[in-house]
N, C-alpha and C. Protein backbone atom coordinates (compact mmCIF):
# COMPACT_ATOMS: atom_id res chain seq x y z
N MET A 1 121.21 89.57 87.41
CA MET A 1 121.10 88.31 86.68
C MET A 1 122.22 88.28 85.65
N SER A 2 122.79 87.13 85.48
CA SER A 2 123.87 87.00 84.51
C SER A 2 123.31 86.93 83.10
N ASP A 3 124.18 87.17 82.15
CA ASP A 3 123.78 87.07 80.75
C ASP A 3 123.35 85.64 80.41
N ALA A 4 124.00 84.65 81.03
CA ALA A 4 123.64 83.26 80.77
C ALA A 4 122.24 82.95 81.27
N THR A 5 121.86 83.50 82.41
CA THR A 5 120.52 83.29 82.94
C THR A 5 119.48 83.94 82.03
N ARG A 6 119.75 85.16 81.64
CA ARG A 6 118.82 85.86 80.74
C ARG A 6 118.70 85.11 79.42
N ALA A 7 119.80 84.58 78.90
CA ALA A 7 119.75 83.83 77.64
C ALA A 7 118.94 82.54 77.78
N ALA A 8 119.11 81.86 78.92
CA ALA A 8 118.35 80.63 79.15
C ALA A 8 116.86 80.93 79.28
N LEU A 9 116.51 82.01 79.97
CA LEU A 9 115.11 82.39 80.09
C LEU A 9 114.53 82.80 78.74
N ALA A 10 115.30 83.53 77.96
CA ALA A 10 114.84 83.92 76.62
C ALA A 10 114.67 82.69 75.72
N ALA A 11 115.61 81.75 75.81
CA ALA A 11 115.49 80.53 75.02
C ALA A 11 114.26 79.72 75.42
N GLY A 12 114.02 79.64 76.73
CA GLY A 12 112.82 78.95 77.22
C GLY A 12 111.55 79.62 76.71
N THR A 13 111.55 80.95 76.69
CA THR A 13 110.40 81.69 76.18
C THR A 13 110.18 81.36 74.71
N LEU A 14 111.25 81.31 73.93
CA LEU A 14 111.13 81.00 72.50
C LEU A 14 110.63 79.57 72.27
N VAL A 15 111.10 78.63 73.07
CA VAL A 15 110.63 77.25 72.94
C VAL A 15 109.14 77.17 73.26
N ALA A 16 108.73 77.80 74.36
CA ALA A 16 107.31 77.79 74.74
C ALA A 16 106.45 78.51 73.70
N LEU A 17 106.97 79.59 73.13
CA LEU A 17 106.25 80.33 72.10
C LEU A 17 106.11 79.49 70.83
N ALA A 18 107.17 78.79 70.45
CA ALA A 18 107.11 77.93 69.26
C ALA A 18 106.10 76.79 69.48
N ALA A 19 106.11 76.19 70.67
CA ALA A 19 105.18 75.10 70.97
C ALA A 19 103.73 75.61 70.97
N THR A 20 103.52 76.78 71.55
CA THR A 20 102.18 77.37 71.59
C THR A 20 101.72 77.71 70.17
N SER A 21 102.58 78.35 69.40
CA SER A 21 102.23 78.70 68.02
C SER A 21 101.97 77.45 67.19
N GLY A 22 102.78 76.43 67.37
CA GLY A 22 102.59 75.19 66.64
C GLY A 22 101.26 74.53 66.96
N SER A 23 100.90 74.50 68.24
CA SER A 23 99.62 73.87 68.61
C SER A 23 98.44 74.66 68.05
N LEU A 24 98.56 75.98 68.04
CA LEU A 24 97.49 76.79 67.46
C LEU A 24 97.41 76.60 65.94
N TYR A 25 98.56 76.43 65.30
CA TYR A 25 98.55 76.17 63.86
C TYR A 25 97.88 74.83 63.55
N PHE A 26 98.20 73.81 64.34
CA PHE A 26 97.59 72.50 64.09
C PHE A 26 96.07 72.57 64.22
N SER A 27 95.58 73.30 65.22
CA SER A 27 94.13 73.33 65.41
C SER A 27 93.44 74.39 64.55
N LEU A 28 93.97 75.60 64.50
CA LEU A 28 93.31 76.66 63.75
C LEU A 28 93.69 76.67 62.28
N GLY A 29 94.95 76.39 61.99
CA GLY A 29 95.41 76.42 60.60
C GLY A 29 95.06 75.16 59.82
N LEU A 30 95.27 74.01 60.44
CA LEU A 30 95.01 72.73 59.77
C LEU A 30 93.65 72.14 60.11
N GLY A 31 92.97 72.71 61.09
CA GLY A 31 91.65 72.24 61.46
C GLY A 31 91.63 70.93 62.24
N LEU A 32 92.75 70.57 62.88
CA LEU A 32 92.79 69.34 63.68
C LEU A 32 92.17 69.61 65.05
N THR A 33 91.35 68.68 65.51
CA THR A 33 90.70 68.83 66.81
C THR A 33 91.58 68.21 67.89
N PRO A 34 91.98 69.00 68.88
CA PRO A 34 92.83 68.46 69.95
C PRO A 34 92.05 67.45 70.80
N CYS A 35 92.73 66.38 71.18
CA CYS A 35 92.12 65.41 72.09
C CYS A 35 92.25 65.95 73.52
N ASP A 36 91.69 65.21 74.48
CA ASP A 36 91.71 65.67 75.87
C ASP A 36 93.13 65.85 76.40
N LEU A 37 94.02 64.89 76.11
CA LEU A 37 95.40 65.01 76.59
C LEU A 37 96.10 66.21 75.96
N CYS A 38 95.80 66.50 74.70
CA CYS A 38 96.38 67.68 74.04
C CYS A 38 95.94 68.96 74.76
N TRP A 39 94.68 69.02 75.18
CA TRP A 39 94.20 70.20 75.90
C TRP A 39 94.96 70.37 77.21
N TYR A 40 95.16 69.29 77.93
CA TYR A 40 95.89 69.39 79.20
C TYR A 40 97.34 69.84 78.96
N GLN A 41 97.95 69.36 77.89
CA GLN A 41 99.31 69.78 77.58
C GLN A 41 99.35 71.26 77.24
N ARG A 42 98.34 71.72 76.51
CA ARG A 42 98.25 73.16 76.20
C ARG A 42 98.12 73.98 77.48
N ILE A 43 97.31 73.51 78.40
CA ILE A 43 97.10 74.23 79.65
C ILE A 43 98.43 74.41 80.40
N LEU A 44 99.32 73.45 80.26
CA LEU A 44 100.62 73.54 80.93
C LEU A 44 101.65 74.33 80.12
N MET A 45 101.55 74.34 78.79
CA MET A 45 102.54 75.02 77.95
C MET A 45 102.25 76.52 77.78
N TYR A 46 101.00 76.86 77.51
CA TYR A 46 100.69 78.25 77.18
C TYR A 46 101.16 79.27 78.22
N PRO A 47 100.94 79.04 79.52
CA PRO A 47 101.40 80.05 80.49
C PRO A 47 102.91 80.20 80.53
N LEU A 48 103.64 79.20 80.10
CA LEU A 48 105.10 79.27 80.14
C LEU A 48 105.63 80.41 79.26
N VAL A 49 104.92 80.74 78.20
CA VAL A 49 105.35 81.86 77.35
C VAL A 49 105.40 83.14 78.17
N VAL A 50 104.35 83.41 78.91
CA VAL A 50 104.28 84.64 79.70
C VAL A 50 105.19 84.56 80.92
N VAL A 51 105.17 83.44 81.62
CA VAL A 51 105.96 83.30 82.85
C VAL A 51 107.45 83.46 82.53
N LEU A 52 107.94 82.75 81.52
CA LEU A 52 109.36 82.85 81.17
C LEU A 52 109.69 84.21 80.56
N GLY A 53 108.79 84.73 79.72
CA GLY A 53 109.05 86.04 79.10
C GLY A 53 109.15 87.15 80.11
N VAL A 54 108.22 87.18 81.05
CA VAL A 54 108.26 88.21 82.10
C VAL A 54 109.51 88.04 82.97
N ALA A 55 109.86 86.80 83.27
CA ALA A 55 111.05 86.55 84.09
C ALA A 55 112.31 87.04 83.39
N ALA A 56 112.38 86.85 82.08
CA ALA A 56 113.55 87.31 81.33
C ALA A 56 113.64 88.83 81.34
N VAL A 57 112.51 89.50 81.21
CA VAL A 57 112.50 90.96 81.18
C VAL A 57 112.73 91.56 82.56
N GLU A 58 112.12 90.95 83.58
CA GLU A 58 112.17 91.52 84.93
C GLU A 58 113.31 91.00 85.80
N ASP A 59 114.20 90.22 85.23
CA ASP A 59 115.36 89.76 85.99
C ASP A 59 114.94 88.89 87.18
N ARG A 60 114.23 87.79 86.90
CA ARG A 60 113.72 86.90 87.96
C ARG A 60 114.20 85.46 87.73
N PRO A 61 115.42 85.15 88.10
CA PRO A 61 115.92 83.78 87.89
C PRO A 61 115.22 82.74 88.77
N GLY A 62 114.55 83.17 89.85
CA GLY A 62 113.85 82.24 90.72
C GLY A 62 112.59 81.67 90.08
N VAL A 63 112.31 82.07 88.86
CA VAL A 63 111.11 81.60 88.16
C VAL A 63 111.15 80.09 87.90
N TRP A 64 112.32 79.50 88.00
CA TRP A 64 112.42 78.06 87.75
C TRP A 64 111.50 77.29 88.69
N LYS A 65 111.23 77.85 89.88
CA LYS A 65 110.35 77.18 90.84
C LYS A 65 108.90 77.14 90.35
N THR A 66 108.53 78.06 89.51
CA THR A 66 107.21 78.08 88.90
C THR A 66 107.20 77.25 87.61
N VAL A 67 108.28 77.32 86.86
CA VAL A 67 108.36 76.67 85.56
C VAL A 67 108.44 75.15 85.69
N LEU A 68 109.24 74.65 86.61
CA LEU A 68 109.44 73.20 86.70
C LEU A 68 108.16 72.39 86.93
N PRO A 69 107.27 72.78 87.83
CA PRO A 69 106.04 71.99 87.96
C PRO A 69 105.22 71.94 86.67
N LEU A 70 105.17 73.05 85.94
CA LEU A 70 104.42 73.07 84.68
C LEU A 70 105.12 72.22 83.62
N SER A 71 106.42 72.38 83.49
CA SER A 71 107.13 71.64 82.44
C SER A 71 107.24 70.15 82.75
N LEU A 72 107.43 69.80 84.02
CA LEU A 72 107.50 68.37 84.37
C LEU A 72 106.13 67.70 84.22
N GLY A 73 105.07 68.41 84.58
CA GLY A 73 103.73 67.89 84.37
C GLY A 73 103.45 67.67 82.89
N GLY A 74 103.84 68.64 82.08
CA GLY A 74 103.67 68.51 80.63
C GLY A 74 104.52 67.40 80.05
N LEU A 75 105.72 67.24 80.59
CA LEU A 75 106.61 66.16 80.14
C LEU A 75 105.97 64.80 80.43
N ALA A 76 105.40 64.66 81.61
CA ALA A 76 104.74 63.40 81.97
C ALA A 76 103.52 63.14 81.08
N LEU A 77 102.70 64.16 80.88
CA LEU A 77 101.50 64.00 80.04
C LEU A 77 101.85 63.69 78.60
N SER A 78 102.80 64.42 78.04
CA SER A 78 103.16 64.18 76.64
C SER A 78 103.88 62.84 76.47
N GLY A 79 104.63 62.42 77.49
CA GLY A 79 105.24 61.10 77.45
C GLY A 79 104.19 60.00 77.46
N TYR A 80 103.19 60.14 78.32
CA TYR A 80 102.08 59.18 78.39
C TYR A 80 101.30 59.17 77.08
N HIS A 81 101.07 60.36 76.53
CA HIS A 81 100.34 60.47 75.27
C HIS A 81 101.12 59.81 74.13
N SER A 82 102.42 60.01 74.10
CA SER A 82 103.26 59.37 73.08
C SER A 82 103.24 57.86 73.23
N TYR A 83 103.27 57.39 74.47
CA TYR A 83 103.18 55.95 74.74
C TYR A 83 101.87 55.38 74.21
N LEU A 84 100.77 56.08 74.45
CA LEU A 84 99.46 55.61 73.99
C LEU A 84 99.42 55.42 72.48
N GLN A 85 100.17 56.25 71.77
CA GLN A 85 100.14 56.19 70.31
C GLN A 85 100.95 55.03 69.73
N VAL A 86 101.83 54.46 70.52
CA VAL A 86 102.66 53.36 69.99
C VAL A 86 102.35 52.01 70.64
N ALA A 87 101.70 52.03 71.79
CA ALA A 87 101.41 50.78 72.51
C ALA A 87 100.25 50.06 71.82
N PRO A 88 100.47 48.79 71.46
CA PRO A 88 99.38 48.05 70.81
C PRO A 88 98.21 47.84 71.77
N GLY A 89 97.02 48.15 71.31
CA GLY A 89 95.82 47.95 72.11
C GLY A 89 95.64 48.93 73.25
N ALA A 90 96.40 50.01 73.28
CA ALA A 90 96.29 51.00 74.35
C ALA A 90 94.98 51.76 74.24
N THR A 91 94.41 52.07 75.37
CA THR A 91 93.22 52.90 75.40
C THR A 91 93.48 54.09 76.31
N CYS A 92 92.92 55.20 75.94
CA CYS A 92 93.13 56.43 76.70
C CYS A 92 92.24 56.41 77.94
N THR A 93 92.83 56.65 79.09
CA THR A 93 92.07 56.65 80.34
C THR A 93 91.47 58.02 80.63
N VAL A 94 91.79 59.01 79.80
CA VAL A 94 91.30 60.36 80.02
C VAL A 94 90.03 60.60 79.21
N GLY A 95 89.96 60.04 78.03
CA GLY A 95 88.83 60.26 77.14
C GLY A 95 89.28 60.90 75.85
N GLY A 96 88.49 60.77 74.83
CA GLY A 96 88.83 61.35 73.55
C GLY A 96 89.70 60.43 72.72
N PRO A 97 89.99 60.84 71.50
CA PRO A 97 90.77 60.01 70.58
C PRO A 97 92.28 60.17 70.78
N CYS A 98 92.75 59.96 71.99
CA CYS A 98 94.16 60.21 72.31
C CYS A 98 95.12 59.23 71.65
N THR A 99 94.63 58.06 71.25
CA THR A 99 95.52 57.06 70.65
C THR A 99 95.69 57.27 69.15
N SER A 100 94.85 58.09 68.54
CA SER A 100 94.96 58.29 67.10
C SER A 100 96.06 59.30 66.79
N ILE A 101 96.71 59.11 65.66
CA ILE A 101 97.74 60.04 65.20
C ILE A 101 97.11 60.89 64.10
N GLN A 102 96.87 62.15 64.40
CA GLN A 102 96.21 63.03 63.44
C GLN A 102 97.18 63.62 62.44
N TYR A 103 98.43 63.77 62.82
CA TYR A 103 99.41 64.42 61.95
C TYR A 103 100.78 63.89 62.32
N SER A 104 101.52 63.44 61.33
CA SER A 104 102.87 62.96 61.61
C SER A 104 103.85 63.59 60.63
N MET A 105 105.09 63.68 61.06
CA MET A 105 106.16 64.26 60.26
C MET A 105 107.35 63.31 60.26
N LEU A 106 108.21 63.47 59.31
CA LEU A 106 109.41 62.65 59.18
C LEU A 106 109.08 61.16 59.15
N GLY A 107 108.12 60.81 58.33
CA GLY A 107 107.76 59.41 58.16
C GLY A 107 107.16 58.78 59.40
N GLY A 108 106.47 59.56 60.20
CA GLY A 108 105.84 59.04 61.41
C GLY A 108 106.71 59.14 62.65
N LEU A 109 107.95 59.58 62.50
CA LEU A 109 108.84 59.71 63.66
C LEU A 109 108.35 60.77 64.63
N LEU A 110 107.88 61.90 64.10
CA LEU A 110 107.39 62.98 64.95
C LEU A 110 105.87 63.06 64.85
N THR A 111 105.23 63.05 66.00
CA THR A 111 103.79 63.28 66.09
C THR A 111 103.58 64.50 66.97
N ILE A 112 102.37 64.97 67.07
CA ILE A 112 102.11 66.16 67.87
C ILE A 112 102.50 65.94 69.34
N PRO A 113 102.14 64.80 69.97
CA PRO A 113 102.57 64.60 71.36
C PRO A 113 104.10 64.50 71.51
N ARG A 114 104.77 63.96 70.52
CA ARG A 114 106.24 63.88 70.60
C ARG A 114 106.86 65.27 70.47
N LEU A 115 106.27 66.12 69.65
CA LEU A 115 106.74 67.50 69.56
C LEU A 115 106.54 68.21 70.90
N ALA A 116 105.39 67.97 71.52
CA ALA A 116 105.14 68.57 72.84
C ALA A 116 106.16 68.05 73.86
N PHE A 117 106.47 66.76 73.80
CA PHE A 117 107.46 66.18 74.70
C PHE A 117 108.81 66.88 74.54
N ILE A 118 109.21 67.08 73.30
CA ILE A 118 110.49 67.77 73.03
C ILE A 118 110.45 69.19 73.60
N GLY A 119 109.34 69.89 73.39
CA GLY A 119 109.21 71.25 73.91
C GLY A 119 109.29 71.30 75.43
N PHE A 120 108.55 70.41 76.09
CA PHE A 120 108.58 70.37 77.56
C PHE A 120 109.97 69.97 78.07
N ALA A 121 110.63 69.04 77.37
CA ALA A 121 111.97 68.63 77.78
C ALA A 121 112.95 69.79 77.68
N LEU A 122 112.88 70.54 76.59
CA LEU A 122 113.78 71.69 76.43
C LEU A 122 113.52 72.75 77.50
N VAL A 123 112.26 73.04 77.77
CA VAL A 123 111.94 74.03 78.81
C VAL A 123 112.43 73.54 80.17
N THR A 124 112.28 72.25 80.45
CA THR A 124 112.74 71.69 81.72
C THR A 124 114.25 71.84 81.86
N VAL A 125 114.98 71.48 80.82
CA VAL A 125 116.45 71.60 80.85
C VAL A 125 116.86 73.05 81.05
N LEU A 126 116.20 73.97 80.37
CA LEU A 126 116.54 75.38 80.52
C LEU A 126 116.19 75.91 81.91
N ALA A 127 115.09 75.44 82.49
CA ALA A 127 114.73 75.86 83.86
C ALA A 127 115.75 75.36 84.87
N VAL A 128 116.20 74.13 84.69
CA VAL A 128 117.23 73.58 85.58
C VAL A 128 118.54 74.35 85.39
N ALA A 129 118.84 74.72 84.15
CA ALA A 129 120.05 75.51 83.89
C ALA A 129 119.96 76.87 84.60
N VAL A 130 118.81 77.50 84.56
CA VAL A 130 118.62 78.78 85.25
C VAL A 130 118.86 78.61 86.75
N ALA A 131 118.31 77.53 87.32
CA ALA A 131 118.50 77.28 88.75
C ALA A 131 119.97 77.03 89.07
N ARG A 132 120.63 76.27 88.22
CA ARG A 132 122.05 75.95 88.47
C ARG A 132 122.94 77.17 88.29
N ILE A 133 122.67 77.98 87.28
CA ILE A 133 123.48 79.18 87.05
C ILE A 133 123.36 80.13 88.22
N GLY A 134 122.14 80.26 88.74
CA GLY A 134 121.92 81.17 89.87
C GLY A 134 122.34 80.59 91.20
N GLY A 135 122.74 79.32 91.23
CA GLY A 135 123.16 78.68 92.45
C GLY A 135 122.00 78.32 93.37
N GLU A 136 120.78 78.61 92.92
CA GLU A 136 119.62 78.33 93.76
C GLU A 136 119.33 76.84 93.86
N ALA A 137 119.65 76.11 92.82
CA ALA A 137 119.35 74.68 92.82
C ALA A 137 120.17 73.97 93.88
N ASP A 138 121.40 74.39 94.07
CA ASP A 138 122.24 73.75 95.08
C ASP A 138 121.63 73.88 96.46
N ASP A 139 121.10 75.08 96.77
CA ASP A 139 120.46 75.28 98.06
C ASP A 139 119.15 74.52 98.17
N ALA A 140 118.34 74.60 97.12
CA ALA A 140 117.01 73.98 97.16
C ALA A 140 117.09 72.46 97.18
N TRP A 141 118.09 71.88 96.51
CA TRP A 141 118.20 70.43 96.39
C TRP A 141 119.23 69.85 97.37
N GLY A 142 119.71 70.68 98.31
CA GLY A 142 120.64 70.20 99.33
C GLY A 142 122.00 69.77 98.78
N MET A 143 122.49 70.49 97.77
CA MET A 143 123.73 70.10 97.12
C MET A 143 124.89 71.00 97.52
N THR A 144 124.74 71.75 98.59
CA THR A 144 125.82 72.63 98.98
C THR A 144 126.83 71.95 99.86
């Protein structure tokens, strides 16, 4: 594995770890109750810490095939969740108080679902970078 691949996997691990730690801080540290969509996003983010971390240590650049479904699913969920928070009259089709904003930063610019979206986007970009660096993406996506 190249140094660039290992660096991308390590960076992905750090992003997933920061997102996981942040979500635990919001719920355990600040006492905020996660809505249903937040739980689903956690289900997709938490394993990425271990999957990416082990891949970085064990020299497994093919891990992007496992990471992308999780990160793209999380990207879709957090995007939908962010939309629900800004769309007038939106109702959550999953259940729970998904439309309420429990915590905002930077004058309302950043909310918990938007932070999750940023985390999933970064992990997705890094997973694609790992695939491209290893040349596996060209074969898998018919770009040879």
